[in-house]
Amino acid sequence: MQIAVHDRAGRMSASEFRSFQARRPDHERWELVGGVAMMMTPPTIAHNRIASNLERLLNDTLARHAPAWLPTQRPRLDLGTGDFRPEPDVGVIDAEYDPGQRFVDKAYLLAEVISDTDEVIVPGTDRRWIEVKRELYRAHPHCLAVLVIAQDRMGVSLDLRSEGGWTSTTLDAADDLSLPGFGLICRVADLYERTPVSRN
């Protein structure tokens, strides 16, 4: 697996990374991983399809359930967590935003479709990037739901926040995905519509 790493010597601060990111072409996808700027591997068609399916399902229900919220792909999220700046595949953010806005500091749902670069070990740890991202998302005070979605099979890890804290569930093809705070109930299989996995 080839992963592009910015050739700047030493670690990058969050503000340095944002300045760097603002100068990069829009089609490039960079994340700050333990102070190191890494360009993410271009997503597969299946990856994009799963993210699009989730965005569409959320868009359909939030239009009725919570029109003040907007599902969008690849929101650039400022988590205020120093050495890390992930870019989720799908997020639910406030529907009101400024023209030309690129970054948000508040998200209510964060979802990742697992890709090759999510399997990278974070510098200075023995943990995969997807594990660190999940922890960062759960620590975000506004986040109510975190989804980690497999790409090569039908499977979702779901974290939901309630007054008592977080509950975690693993779902497969036979299960329903229920997001009560977002008004969404669908089949896990709906996330994989028109992907190779749905034809197996």
Foldseek 3Di string as FASTA:
>chain_A
DDKDWDPDPDFAKPVRVVVVVVPDDPVWAWKQFQRIIITDDDDDPLQLLLLVLVQVLLQVQCVPQPVQKHKDAFQFEDLVDIRTTDTFGIFIDGPDDDVPDRHDHATAEGEHEDDPQQQDQGPPGRDGNVVVVVVSQLPRVRYAKYWYAYRPFQKIWIWGQDPVGIDIDIDHQVDWDDDPVSRGIGGSVSSRPPHPNNVD
